[in-house]
Amino acid sequence: MTDPARPRILVVGPSWVGDMVMAQTLFADLQAQRPADIDVLAPSWCRPLLSRMPEVRQALDLPFGHGELKLRQRRAEGRALRGRYDHAYVLPNSLKSALLPFWAGVPRRTGWRGEMRYGLLNDVRRLDKERYPLMVQRFVALARPADAPVPALEEIRPPHLEVDPASVAAAREQHDLAADRPVLGLCPGAEFGPSKRWPEQHYAAVAADWIEQGGRVWLFGSAKDRPVADAIVAALPPASQDRVRVLAGATSLEQAVDLLSATDAVVSNDSGLMHIAAALNRPLVAVYGSTSPGFTPPLGQRVAIERLGLDCSPCFQRECPLEHHNCMRLLEPARVMTALRGLSVGGN
């Protein structure tokens, strides 16, 4: 039963996996200020993440594809929410993301200025990107008064996904994953483009070293990442390949979260799975090249970031504009292996 004294909050969430994980910093900050009923409006694929955030009461499916305007349908969806919320926080900067809270008649609607949203938002904040360099600072700042000091990273509670041990056990059983050896999770894909991918030969070298020390390796990702995962397996000595399981394209996001929580360490490109691993408090080595950890770093107590910092990086391009991919290609596997050991993990 809803407590009438608790604030009723609607959050229009982001559409990227990593961004949704980091949005938990906003939910936690709101709950720390005053216990509230927080519902998050987001694409249906976000439900496995939101269900693992204890601050969220429920996920509301946003029935629109990326880039779809569909004004009539948005207006109907908004009106169906009338009278249910006291305050709305709009995290994306697009005009369309502010339409539903407006048509829902939410009394206070907070968000950063963007795409001529005056009127749609009535608590419009002006974003100073230098003052708020990190995405999590921008999220948490919306939960606080406009004139409040910039939230320091040390005072922001990092994302912290919670998993059900029974769900983890069920996912292990479904995919026939043994629990007899330490497991290294590898996340070699990147939805943004190939420039963010560490070469599969480098991943294979790290995998071979972990297996040599007595461990197993699980390869995570979407169906799009299956060819890269298969290439990593193919680059391993035949005797090591039976210690590797390719889960890319074989799991739901829900299962990927549960199984990542069962790993002993993770190596990942800058991706949504990287942020999930950090939010599960896995020892994590994050590999950066064409992007920078200066805006959306993985937040966790056991995180190591490896990057070369070449003059040409970060370029933030989907493919290397110089066609050499040196920012990733020259980042040697030995650095990642050393970083793993520095996190007090290992295959034995």
Foldseek 3Di string as FASTA:
>chain_A
DDDPVAAEEEEAADAFLLRRLLLLLLLVLLCVVPQHAYEYEYAPLCQLQQVQRVSYPYYHHDPDDPPDQPPVVLLVQLCVLAPRGQEYEYEDQEQSSLSSVQSSPRPAYEYEHHDPNVVSHPHYAHDDCVLVVASSQRSNCRSDDNPDHRDDPVPGDHAAGHDDVVLLVVLCVVQVPDPPFAEEEEEQDAPLADLQGFQLLLVLVLQQQQVVLPHAYEYEAAPVCVVSVVVSLVNHDPVSNVRYHYCHNVDRVSNLLSNLLSHQEYEYTPGSVQLSNQNSQHQYEYEGFLADCRYRNRDHDRYHYDWDPDPCPNNPDNAPPVPPSCRRHVRHSVVVNVSCVVSVDGGD
